[in-house]
C-alpha atoms as a PDB file:
ATOM      1  CA  MET A   1      12.703   6.104  13.057  1.00  0.00           C
ATOM      2  CA  GLU A   2      12.417   8.770  10.383  1.00  0.00           C
ATOM      3  CA  ARG A   3      14.718   9.484   7.426  1.00  0.00           C
ATOM      4  CA  GLY A   4      16.891  12.115   9.092  1.00  0.00           C
ATOM      5  CA  GLU A   5      17.501   9.886  12.084  1.00  0.00           C
ATOM      6  CA  LEU A   6      18.262   6.911   9.828  1.00  0.00           C
ATOM      7  CA  GLY A   7      20.888   8.915   7.957  1.00  0.00           C
ATOM      8  CA  ALA A   8      22.604   9.792  11.237  1.00  0.00           C
ATOM      9  CA  VAL A   9      22.429   6.183  12.483  1.00  0.00           C
ATOM     10  CA  LEU A  10      23.947   4.824   9.267  1.00  0.00           C
ATOM     11  CA  ALA A  11      26.729   7.416   9.313  1.00  0.00           C
ATOM     12  CA  ALA A  12      27.505   6.630  12.972  1.00  0.00           C
ATOM     13  CA  ALA A  13      27.621   2.913  12.104  1.00  0.00           C
ATOM     14  CA  GLY A  14      30.247   3.660   9.460  1.00  0.00           C
ATOM     15  CA  VAL A  15      28.157   2.683   6.443  1.00  0.00           C
ATOM     16  CA  PRO A  16      29.928   4.271   3.436  1.00  0.00           C
ATOM     17  CA  ASP A  17      28.099   7.201   1.805  1.00  0.00           C
ATOM     18  CA  GLY A  18      27.901   5.523  -1.586  1.00  0.00           C
ATOM     19  CA  TYR A  19      26.071   2.432  -0.326  1.00  0.00           C
ATOM     20  CA  TYR A  20      22.692   4.137   0.087  1.00  0.00           C
ATOM     21  CA  ARG A  21      20.423   7.004  -0.933  1.00  0.00           C
ATOM     22  CA  ILE A  22      17.678   8.372   1.298  1.00  0.00           C
ATOM     23  CA  GLU A  23      15.387  10.708  -0.597  1.00  0.00           C
ATOM     24  CA  GLY A  24      15.674  14.269   0.679  1.00  0.00           C
ATOM     25  CA  VAL A  25      18.256  13.358   3.327  1.00  0.00           C
ATOM     26  CA  HIS A  26      21.267  11.594   1.824  1.00  0.00           C
ATOM     27  CA  GLU A  27      21.746  11.905  -1.933  1.00  0.00           C
ATOM     28  CA  PRO A  28      25.415  11.300  -2.843  1.00  0.00           C
ATOM     29  CA  VAL A  29      26.938  13.278  -5.717  1.00  0.00           C
ATOM     30  CA  PRO A  30      28.091  12.003  -8.084  1.00  0.00           C
ATOM     31  CA  THR A  31      25.527   9.212  -8.142  1.00  0.00           C
ATOM     32  CA  PRO A  32      27.214   5.885  -7.340  1.00  0.00           C
ATOM     33  CA  PRO A  33      26.847   3.079  -9.943  1.00  0.00           C
ATOM     34  CA  ASP A  34      24.801   0.982  -7.498  1.00  0.00           C
ATOM     35  CA  PHE A  35      23.251   1.535  -4.073  1.00  0.00           C
ATOM     36  CA  LEU A  36      20.261   0.756  -1.862  1.00  0.00           C
ATOM     37  CA  PHE A  37      17.539   3.397  -1.663  1.00  0.00           C
ATOM     38  CA  LEU A  38      14.561   4.638   0.332  1.00  0.00           C
ATOM     39  CA  ARG A  39      12.035   6.887  -1.378  1.00  0.00           C
ATOM     40  CA  ARG A  40       8.417   7.968  -1.261  1.00  0.00           C
ATOM     41  CA  ALA A  41       6.260   6.510  -4.044  1.00  0.00           C
ATOM     42  CA  ASP A  42       3.712   8.514  -6.022  1.00  0.00           C
ATOM     43  CA  ASP A  43       0.849   6.831  -4.150  1.00  0.00           C
ATOM     44  CA  GLY A  44       2.189   7.921  -0.739  1.00  0.00           C
ATOM     45  CA  THR A  45       3.684   4.594   0.298  1.00  0.00           C
ATOM     46  CA  TRP A  46       7.423   4.165   0.843  1.00  0.00           C
ATOM     47  CA  GLU A  47       9.785   2.003  -1.192  1.00  0.00           C
ATOM     48  CA  THR A  48      13.132   0.401  -0.473  1.00  0.00           C
ATOM     49  CA  GLY A  49      15.188  -1.167  -3.197  1.00  0.00           C
ATOM     50  CA  ALA A  50      18.379  -1.362  -5.191  1.00  0.00           C
ATOM     51  CA  TYR A  51      19.730   0.808  -7.977  1.00  0.00           C
ATOM     52  CA  GLU A  52      22.010  -1.046 -10.372  1.00  0.00           C
ATOM     53  CA  ARG A  53      23.241  -0.139 -13.851  1.00  0.00           C
ATOM     54  CA  GLY A  54      20.841   2.773 -14.130  1.00  0.00           C
ATOM     55  CA  VAL A  55      17.725   0.838 -13.090  1.00  0.00           C
ATOM     56  CA  TYR A  56      15.739   1.188  -9.861  1.00  0.00           C
ATOM     57  CA  GLU A  57      14.378  -2.140  -8.582  1.00  0.00           C
ATOM     58  CA  VAL A  58      11.878  -1.933  -5.737  1.00  0.00           C
ATOM     59  CA  ILE A  59      12.462  -4.687  -3.177  1.00  0.00           C
ATOM     60  CA  ALA A  60       9.636  -3.776  -0.792  1.00  0.00           C
ATOM     61  CA  ARG A  61       6.792  -1.295  -0.356  1.00  0.00           C
ATOM     62  CA  HIS A  62       5.955   0.020   3.110  1.00  0.00           C
ATOM     63  CA  PRO A  63       2.849   1.721   4.525  1.00  0.00           C
ATOM     64  CA  ASP A  64       4.863   4.371   6.364  1.00  0.00           C
ATOM     65  CA  GLU A  65       8.261   6.021   6.632  1.00  0.00           C
ATOM     66  CA  ALA A  66       9.193   4.250   9.881  1.00  0.00           C
ATOM     67  CA  ALA A  67       8.747   0.786   8.347  1.00  0.00           C
ATOM     68  CA  ALA A  68      10.783   1.748   5.288  1.00  0.00           C
ATOM     69  CA  CYS A  69      13.567   3.169   7.475  1.00  0.00           C
ATOM     70  CA  ALA A  70      13.655  -0.002   9.560  1.00  0.00           C
ATOM     71  CA  HIS A  71      13.938  -2.121   6.422  1.00  0.00           C
ATOM     72  CA  LEU A  72      16.789  -0.091   4.926  1.00  0.00           C
ATOM     73  CA  HIS A  73      18.555  -0.169   8.281  1.00  0.00           C
ATOM     74  CA  ARG A  74      18.324  -3.985   8.371  1.00  0.00           C
ATOM     75  CA  LEU A  75      19.716  -4.201   4.850  1.00  0.00           C
ATOM     76  CA  LEU A  76      22.727  -1.995   5.595  1.00  0.00           C
ATOM     77  CA  VAL A  77      23.785  -2.741   9.196  1.00  0.00           C
END
């Protein structure tokens, strides 16, 4: 699964918009106070994690986009 597909799957599952942020696909405005995220790291790997009180905390690093999408999906559904 890729990011665009994950965004559609989460929306279809009824996951509220403010619960997650997917870089380049689903970036709620205004920024919620806390949410789970998926983003590409500077080294080309992918990260999933939590944003709370203005701080990003990486939970896991993934070798590719598909693995990161699968992880975020498991966390939210």
